[in-house]
């Protein structure tokens, strides 16, 4: 299926109903969005801790965030609260 969708000023798009229905995307569903060359791929995210951990781990690695730094920030925040 091929459809043309318009991007809003906030970068939002509307997924066609046939696509939403075929993969059961509803309000509150999560999608994984990935750029592959000139293409944008979206996949329904079955929110499992393993997948979330992988996504967040890769993002943290790209930004140079370490486990030690996260734990330090958490302890610091707990001390303030």
PDB file of N, CA and C in Angstrom:
ATOM      1  N   UNK A   1       0.836  -1.178   0.000  1.00  0.00           N
ATOM      2  CA  UNK A   1       0.000   0.000   0.000  1.00  0.00           C
ATOM      3  C   UNK A   1       0.882   1.242   0.000  1.00  0.00           C
ATOM      4  N   UNK A   2       0.543   2.209  -0.803  1.00  0.00           N
ATOM      5  CA  UNK A   2       1.266   3.472  -0.857  1.00  0.00           C
ATOM      6  C   UNK A   2       0.281   4.607  -0.653  1.00  0.00           C
ATOM      7  N   UNK A   3       0.584   5.473   0.282  1.00  0.00           N
ATOM      8  CA  UNK A   3      -0.229   6.655   0.537  1.00  0.00           C
ATOM      9  C   UNK A   3       0.688   7.856   0.662  1.00  0.00           C
ATOM     10  N   UNK A   4       0.152   9.026   0.418  1.00  0.00           N
ATOM     11  CA  UNK A   4       0.885  10.267   0.620  1.00  0.00           C
ATOM     12  C   UNK A   4       0.283  10.920   1.857  1.00  0.00           C
ATOM     13  N   UNK A   5       1.154  11.307   2.807  1.00  0.00           N
ATOM     14  CA  UNK A   5       0.691  11.982   4.012  1.00  0.00           C
ATOM     15  C   UNK A   5       1.401  13.321   4.125  1.00  0.00           C
ATOM     16  N   UNK A   6       0.758  14.257   4.773  1.00  0.00           N
ATOM     17  CA  UNK A   6       1.306  15.601   4.924  1.00  0.00           C
ATOM     18  C   UNK A   6       1.935  15.743   6.306  1.00  0.00           C
ATOM     19  N   UNK A   7       3.090  16.393   6.358  1.00  0.00           N
ATOM     20  CA  UNK A   7       3.766  16.659   7.625  1.00  0.00           C
ATOM     21  C   UNK A   7       3.295  18.014   8.131  1.00  0.00           C
ATOM     22  N   UNK A   8       2.880  18.067   9.411  1.00  0.00           N
ATOM     23  CA  UNK A   8       2.413  19.329   9.991  1.00  0.00           C
ATOM     24  C   UNK A   8       3.603  20.191  10.407  1.00  0.00           C
ATOM     25  N   UNK A   9       3.324  21.405  10.853  1.00  0.00           N
ATOM     26  CA  UNK A   9       4.382  22.319  11.299  1.00  0.00           C
ATOM     27  C   UNK A   9       5.124  21.771  12.510  1.00  0.00           C
ATOM     28  N   UNK A  10       4.510  20.852  13.236  1.00  0.00           N
ATOM     29  CA  UNK A  10       5.153  20.230  14.398  1.00  0.00           C
ATOM     30  C   UNK A  10       5.833  18.909  14.035  1.00  0.00           C
ATOM     31  N   UNK A  11       5.893  18.590  12.750  1.00  0.00           N
ATOM     32  CA  UNK A  11       6.548  17.363  12.312  1.00  0.00           C
ATOM     33  C   UNK A  11       5.690  16.120  12.457  1.00  0.00           C
ATOM     34  N   UNK A  12       4.404  16.291  12.674  1.00  0.00           N
ATOM     35  CA  UNK A  12       3.511  15.153  12.871  1.00  0.00           C
ATOM     36  C   UNK A  12       2.920  14.693  11.539  1.00  0.00           C
ATOM     37  N   UNK A  13       2.628  13.395  11.489  1.00  0.00           N
ATOM     38  CA  UNK A  13       1.936  12.831  10.330  1.00  0.00           C
ATOM     39  C   UNK A  13       0.760  12.001  10.832  1.00  0.00           C
ATOM     40  N   UNK A  14      -0.178  11.734   9.947  1.00  0.00           N
ATOM     41  CA  UNK A  14      -1.288  10.845  10.272  1.00  0.00           C
ATOM     42  C   UNK A  14      -1.091   9.557   9.489  1.00  0.00           C
ATOM     43  N   UNK A  15      -1.054   8.452  10.205  1.00  0.00           N
ATOM     44  CA  UNK A  15      -0.948   7.152   9.537  1.00  0.00           C
ATOM     45  C   UNK A  15      -2.315   6.791   8.972  1.00  0.00           C
ATOM     46  N   UNK A  16      -2.369   6.359   7.733  1.00  0.00           N
ATOM     47  CA  UNK A  16      -3.654   5.959   7.150  1.00  0.00           C
ATOM     48  C   UNK A  16      -4.332   4.869   7.982  1.00  0.00           C
ATOM     49  N   UNK A  17      -5.639   4.929   8.069  1.00  0.00           N
ATOM     50  CA  UNK A  17      -6.422   4.001   8.883  1.00  0.00           C
ATOM     51  C   UNK A  17      -6.168   2.546   8.514  1.00  0.00           C
ATOM     52  N   UNK A  18      -5.998   2.268   7.235  1.00  0.00           N
ATOM     53  CA  UNK A  18      -5.768   0.877   6.819  1.00  0.00           C
ATOM     54  C   UNK A  18      -4.472   0.339   7.418  1.00  0.00           C
ATOM     55  N   UNK A  19      -3.450   1.181   7.485  1.00  0.00           N
ATOM     56  CA  UNK A  19      -2.173   0.757   8.080  1.00  0.00           C
ATOM     57  C   UNK A  19      -2.337   0.587   9.579  1.00  0.00           C
ATOM     58  N   UNK A  20      -2.982   1.563  10.222  1.00  0.00           N
ATOM     59  CA  UNK A  20      -3.187   1.462  11.679  1.00  0.00           C
ATOM     60  C   UNK A  20      -3.951   0.202  12.031  1.00  0.00           C
ATOM     61  N   UNK A  21      -4.999  -0.062  11.275  1.00  0.00           N
ATOM     62  CA  UNK A  21      -5.816  -1.248  11.556  1.00  0.00           C
ATOM     63  C   UNK A  21      -5.050  -2.547  11.305  1.00  0.00           C
ATOM     64  N   UNK A  22      -4.245  -2.574  10.247  1.00  0.00           N
ATOM     65  CA  UNK A  22      -3.574  -3.831   9.893  1.00  0.00           C
ATOM     66  C   UNK A  22      -2.515  -4.249  10.907  1.00  0.00           C
ATOM     67  N   UNK A  23      -1.925  -3.272  11.621  1.00  0.00           N
ATOM     68  CA  UNK A  23      -0.921  -3.653  12.628  1.00  0.00           C
ATOM     69  C   UNK A  23      -1.343  -3.256  14.043  1.00  0.00           C
ATOM     70  N   UNK A  24      -2.622  -2.909  14.197  1.00  0.00           N
ATOM     71  CA  UNK A  24      -3.209  -2.583  15.502  1.00  0.00           C
ATOM     72  C   UNK A  24      -2.476  -1.450  16.218  1.00  0.00           C
ATOM     73  N   UNK A  25      -2.291  -0.343  15.514  1.00  0.00           N
ATOM     74  CA  UNK A  25      -1.728   0.858  16.130  1.00  0.00           C
ATOM     75  C   UNK A  25      -2.901   1.700  16.609  1.00  0.00           C
ATOM     76  N   UNK A  26      -2.921   1.963  17.909  1.00  0.00           N
ATOM     77  CA  UNK A  26      -4.001   2.731  18.517  1.00  0.00           C
ATOM     78  C   UNK A  26      -3.426   3.891  19.309  1.00  0.00           C
ATOM     79  N   UNK A  27      -4.299   4.721  19.847  1.00  0.00           N
ATOM     80  CA  UNK A  27      -3.859   5.811  20.711  1.00  0.00           C
ATOM     81  C   UNK A  27      -3.005   5.229  21.830  1.00  0.00           C
ATOM     82  N   UNK A  28      -1.824   5.787  22.030  1.00  0.00           N
ATOM     83  CA  UNK A  28      -0.923   5.308  23.067  1.00  0.00           C
ATOM     84  C   UNK A  28       0.069   4.261  22.583  1.00  0.00           C
ATOM     85  N   UNK A  29      -0.086   3.787  21.349  1.00  0.00           N
ATOM     86  CA  UNK A  29       0.874   2.820  20.802  1.00  0.00           C
ATOM     87  C   UNK A  29       2.206   3.510  20.566  1.00  0.00           C
ATOM     88  N   UNK A  30       3.270   2.745  20.596  1.00  0.00           N
ATOM     89  CA  UNK A  30       4.602   3.255  20.304  1.00  0.00           C
ATOM     90  C   UNK A  30       5.090   2.683  18.984  1.00  0.00           C
ATOM     91  N   UNK A  31       5.823   3.512  18.244  1.00  0.00           N
ATOM     92  CA  UNK A  31       6.444   3.083  17.000  1.00  0.00           C
ATOM     93  C   UNK A  31       7.939   3.319  17.101  1.00  0.00           C
ATOM     94  N   UNK A  32       8.705   2.429  16.517  1.00  0.00           N
ATOM     95  CA  UNK A  32      10.144   2.623  16.387  1.00  0.00           C
ATOM     96  C   UNK A  32      10.357   3.252  15.023  1.00  0.00           C
ATOM     97  N   UNK A  33      11.069   4.374  14.966  1.00  0.00           N
ATOM     98  CA  UNK A  33      11.298   5.099  13.723  1.00  0.00           C
ATOM     99  C   UNK A  33      12.789   5.079  13.431  1.00  0.00           C
ATOM    100  N   UNK A  34      13.128   4.692  12.217  1.00  0.00           N
ATOM    101  CA  UNK A  34      14.533   4.567  11.841  1.00  0.00           C
ATOM    102  C   UNK A  34      14.746   5.121  10.442  1.00  0.00           C
ATOM    103  N   UNK A  35      15.840   5.821  10.269  1.00  0.00           N
ATOM    104  CA  UNK A  35      16.198   6.326   8.942  1.00  0.00           C
ATOM    105  C   UNK A  35      17.144   5.333   8.293  1.00  0.00           C
ATOM    106  N   UNK A  36      16.839   4.959   7.068  1.00  0.00           N
ATOM    107  CA  UNK A  36      17.696   4.078   6.282  1.00  0.00           C
ATOM    108  C   UNK A  36      17.889   4.767   4.936  1.00  0.00           C
ATOM    109  N   UNK A  37      19.025   5.435   4.798  1.00  0.00           N
ATOM    110  CA  UNK A  37      19.266   6.210   3.586  1.00  0.00           C
ATOM    111  C   UNK A  37      18.230   7.305   3.453  1.00  0.00           C
ATOM    112  N   UNK A  38      17.542   7.332   2.317  1.00  0.00           N
ATOM    113  CA  UNK A  38      16.490   8.321   2.083  1.00  0.00           C
ATOM    114  C   UNK A  38      15.120   7.857   2.569  1.00  0.00           C
ATOM    115  N   UNK A  39      15.067   6.706   3.220  1.00  0.00           N
ATOM    116  CA  UNK A  39      13.798   6.129   3.652  1.00  0.00           C
ATOM    117  C   UNK A  39      13.617   6.281   5.156  1.00  0.00           C
ATOM    118  N   UNK A  40      12.356   6.357   5.564  1.00  0.00           N
ATOM    119  CA  UNK A  40      11.993   6.359   6.975  1.00  0.00           C
ATOM    120  C   UNK A  40      11.188   5.089   7.216  1.00  0.00           C
ATOM    121  N   UNK A  41      11.664   4.255   8.105  1.00  0.00           N
ATOM    122  CA  UNK A  41      10.972   3.008   8.428  1.00  0.00           C
ATOM    123  C   UNK A  41      10.319   3.138   9.792  1.00  0.00           C
ATOM    124  N   UNK A  42       9.100   2.659   9.898  1.00  0.00           N
ATOM    125  CA  UNK A  42       8.410   2.645  11.180  1.00  0.00           C
ATOM    126  C   UNK A  42       7.952   1.226  11.459  1.00  0.00           C
ATOM    127  N   UNK A  43       8.115   0.835  12.716  1.00  0.00           N
ATOM    128  CA  UNK A  43       7.706  -0.500  13.135  1.00  0.00           C
ATOM    129  C   UNK A  43       6.979  -0.365  14.450  1.00  0.00           C
ATOM    130  N   UNK A  44       5.884  -1.086  14.593  1.00  0.00           N
ATOM    131  CA  UNK A  44       5.177  -1.065  15.860  1.00  0.00           C
ATOM    132  C   UNK A  44       6.108  -1.641  16.918  1.00  0.00           C
ATOM    133  N   UNK A  45       6.213  -0.932  18.013  1.00  0.00           N
ATOM    134  CA  UNK A  45       7.091  -1.370  19.094  1.00  0.00           C
ATOM    135  C   UNK A  45       6.271  -2.173  20.086  1.00  0.00           C
ATOM    136  N   UNK A  46       6.604  -3.433  20.204  1.00  0.00           N
ATOM    137  CA  UNK A  46       6.039  -4.228  21.280  1.00  0.00           C
ATOM    138  C   UNK A  46       6.887  -3.866  22.482  1.00  0.00           C
ATOM    139  N   UNK A  47       6.339  -3.059  23.353  1.00  0.00           N
ATOM    140  CA  UNK A  47       7.133  -2.508  24.433  1.00  0.00           C
ATOM    141  C   UNK A  47       7.524  -3.631  25.403  1.00  0.00           C
ATOM    142  N   UNK A  48       8.715  -4.096  25.195  1.00  0.00           N
ATOM    143  CA  UNK A  48       9.318  -5.096  26.071  1.00  0.00           C
ATOM    144  C   UNK A  48      10.571  -4.470  26.635  1.00  0.00           C
ATOM    145  N   UNK A  49      10.849  -4.775  27.862  1.00  0.00           N
ATOM    146  CA  UNK A  49      11.994  -4.170  28.529  1.00  0.00           C
ATOM    147  C   UNK A  49      13.290  -4.389  27.755  1.00  0.00           C
ATOM    148  N   UNK A  50      13.436  -5.543  27.151  1.00  0.00           N
ATOM    149  CA  UNK A  50      14.660  -5.830  26.408  1.00  0.00           C
ATOM    150  C   UNK A  50      14.831  -4.866  25.233  1.00  0.00           C
ATOM    151  N   UNK A  51      13.739  -4.612  24.506  1.00  0.00           N
ATOM    152  CA  UNK A  51      13.801  -3.699  23.366  1.00  0.00           C
ATOM    153  C   UNK A  51      14.070  -2.271  23.826  1.00  0.00           C
ATOM    154  N   UNK A  52      13.380  -1.850  24.883  1.00  0.00           N
ATOM    155  CA  UNK A  52      13.568  -0.500  25.402  1.00  0.00           C
ATOM    156  C   UNK A  52      15.009  -0.323  25.871  1.00  0.00           C
ATOM    157  N   UNK A  53      15.525  -1.309  26.561  1.00  0.00           N
ATOM    158  CA  UNK A  53      16.901  -1.254  27.057  1.00  0.00           C
ATOM    159  C   UNK A  53      17.890  -1.112  25.897  1.00  0.00           C
ATOM    160  N   UNK A  54      17.646  -1.843  24.824  1.00  0.00           N
ATOM    161  CA  UNK A  54      18.537  -1.779  23.668  1.00  0.00           C
ATOM    162  C   UNK A  54      18.495  -0.395  23.021  1.00  0.00           C
ATOM    163  N   UNK A  55      17.282   0.133  22.812  1.00  0.00           N
ATOM    164  CA  UNK A  55      17.119   1.443  22.188  1.00  0.00           C
ATOM    165  C   UNK A  55      17.781   2.526  23.036  1.00  0.00           C
ATOM    166  N   UNK A  56      17.493   2.525  24.334  1.00  0.00           N
ATOM    167  CA  UNK A  56      18.070   3.533  25.221  1.00  0.00           C
ATOM    168  C   UNK A  56      19.576   3.363  25.353  1.00  0.00           C
ATOM    169  N   UNK A  57      20.035   2.120  25.381  1.00  0.00           N
ATOM    170  CA  UNK A  57      21.471   1.853  25.476  1.00  0.00           C
ATOM    171  C   UNK A  57      22.225   2.388  24.272  1.00  0.00           C
ATOM    172  N   UNK A  58      21.670   2.175  23.092  1.00  0.00           N
ATOM    173  CA  UNK A  58      22.317   2.679  21.870  1.00  0.00           C
ATOM    174  C   UNK A  58      22.324   4.205  21.843  1.00  0.00           C
ATOM    175  N   UNK A  59      21.219   4.807  22.265  1.00  0.00           N
ATOM    176  CA  UNK A  59      21.146   6.275  22.288  1.00  0.00           C
ATOM    177  C   UNK A  59      22.143   6.840  23.293  1.00  0.00           C
ATOM    178  N   UNK A  60      22.247   6.211  24.456  1.00  0.00           N
ATOM    179  CA  UNK A  60      23.191   6.673  25.481  1.00  0.00           C
ATOM    180  C   UNK A  60      24.628   6.529  24.991  1.00  0.00           C
ATOM    181  N   UNK A  61      24.908   5.428  24.324  1.00  0.00           N
ATOM    182  CA  UNK A  61      26.266   5.195  23.811  1.00  0.00           C
ATOM    183  C   UNK A  61      26.654   6.271  22.799  1.00  0.00           C
ATOM    184  N   UNK A  62      25.714   6.627  21.914  1.00  0.00           N
ATOM    185  CA  UNK A  62      25.979   7.657  20.914  1.00  0.00           C
ATOM    186  C   UNK A  62      26.272   9.008  21.571  1.00  0.00           C
ATOM    187  N   UNK A  63      25.613   9.263  22.709  1.00  0.00           N
ATOM    188  CA  UNK A  63      25.790  10.543  23.393  1.00  0.00           C
ATOM    189  C   UNK A  63      26.887  10.494  24.453  1.00  0.00           C
ATOM    190  N   UNK A  64      27.532   9.338  24.609  1.00  0.00           N
ATOM    191  CA  UNK A  64      28.619   9.216  25.575  1.00  0.00           C
ATOM    192  C   UNK A  64      28.160   9.166  27.021  1.00  0.00           C
ATOM    193  N   UNK A  65      26.916   8.764  27.258  1.00  0.00           N
ATOM    194  CA  UNK A  65      26.390   8.665  28.621  1.00  0.00           C
ATOM    195  C   UNK A  65      26.751   7.301  29.185  1.00  0.00           C
ATOM    196  N   UNK A  66      27.366   7.296  30.366  1.00  0.00           N
ATOM    197  CA  UNK A  66      27.781   6.036  30.989  1.00  0.00           C
ATOM    198  C   UNK A  66      26.840   5.659  32.135  1.00  0.00           C
ATOM    199  N   UNK A  67      26.877   4.388  32.513  1.00  0.00           N
ATOM    200  CA  UNK A  67      26.086   3.911  33.639  1.00  0.00           C
ATOM    201  C   UNK A  67      26.513   4.630  34.917  1.00  0.00           C
ATOM    202  N   UNK A  68      27.809   4.838  35.056  1.00  0.00           N
ATOM    203  CA  UNK A  68      28.340   5.523  36.238  1.00  0.00           C
ATOM    204  C   UNK A  68      27.773   6.944  36.336  1.00  0.00           C
ATOM    205  N   UNK A  69      27.731   7.653  35.211  1.00  0.00           N
ATOM    206  CA  UNK A  69      27.201   9.023  35.200  1.00  0.00           C
ATOM    207  C   UNK A  69      25.715   9.043  35.537  1.00  0.00           C
ATOM    208  N   UNK A  70      24.962   8.071  35.030  1.00  0.00           N
ATOM    209  CA  UNK A  70      23.536   7.992  35.334  1.00  0.00           C
ATOM    210  C   UNK A  70      23.293   7.720  36.818  1.00  0.00           C
ATOM    211  N   UNK A  71      24.058   6.790  37.372  1.00  0.00           N
ATOM    212  CA  UNK A  71      23.904   6.483  38.793  1.00  0.00           C
ATOM    213  C   UNK A  71      24.267   7.679  39.659  1.00  0.00           C
ATOM    214  N   UNK A  72      25.313   8.416  39.272  1.00  0.00           N
ATOM    215  CA  UNK A  72      25.708   9.622  40.006  1.00  0.00           C
ATOM    216  C   UNK A  72      24.586  10.658  39.970  1.00  0.00           C
ATOM    217  N   UNK A  73      24.009  10.877  38.793  1.00  0.00           N
ATOM    218  CA  UNK A  73      22.926  11.852  38.656  1.00  0.00           C
ATOM    219  C   UNK A  73      21.703  11.436  39.470  1.00  0.00           C
ATOM    220  N   UNK A  74      21.413  10.151  39.508  1.00  0.00           N
ATOM    221  CA  UNK A  74      20.287   9.641  40.279  1.00  0.00           C
ATOM    222  C   UNK A  74      20.503   9.873  41.770  1.00  0.00           C
ATOM    223  N   UNK A  75      21.691   9.539  42.259  1.00  0.00           N
ATOM    224  CA  UNK A  75      22.000   9.755  43.681  1.00  0.00           C
ATOM    225  C   UNK A  75      21.940  11.236  44.035  1.00  0.00           C
ATOM    226  N   UNK A  76      22.439  12.077  43.152  1.00  0.00           N
ATOM    227  CA  UNK A  76      22.416  13.515  43.370  1.00  0.00           C
ATOM    228  C   UNK A  76      20.983  14.027  43.455  1.00  0.00           C
ATOM    229  N   UNK A  77      20.139  13.537  42.550  1.00  0.00           N
ATOM    230  CA  UNK A  77      18.727  13.937  42.540  1.00  0.00           C
ATOM    231  C   UNK A  77      18.006  13.448  43.788  1.00  0.00           C
ATOM    232  N   UNK A  78      18.304  12.245  44.224  1.00  0.00           N
ATOM    233  CA  UNK A  78      17.674  11.707  45.437  1.00  0.00           C
ATOM    234  C   UNK A  78      18.067  12.527  46.663  1.00  0.00           C
ATOM    235  N   UNK A  79      19.293  13.007  46.701  1.00  0.00           N
ATOM    236  CA  UNK A  79      19.757  13.796  47.834  1.00  0.00           C
ATOM    237  C   UNK A  79      19.034  15.136  47.916  1.00  0.00           C
ATOM    238  N   UNK A  80      18.656  15.685  46.750  1.00  0.00           N
ATOM    239  CA  UNK A  80      17.955  16.976  46.691  1.00  0.00           C
ATOM    240  C   UNK A  80      16.502  16.811  47.083  1.00  0.00           C
ATOM    241  N   UNK A  81      15.900  15.711  46.689  1.00  0.00           N
ATOM    242  CA  UNK A  81      14.453  15.484  46.896  1.00  0.00           C
ATOM    243  C   UNK A  81      14.089  15.203  48.324  1.00  0.00           C
TER     244      UNK A  81
END
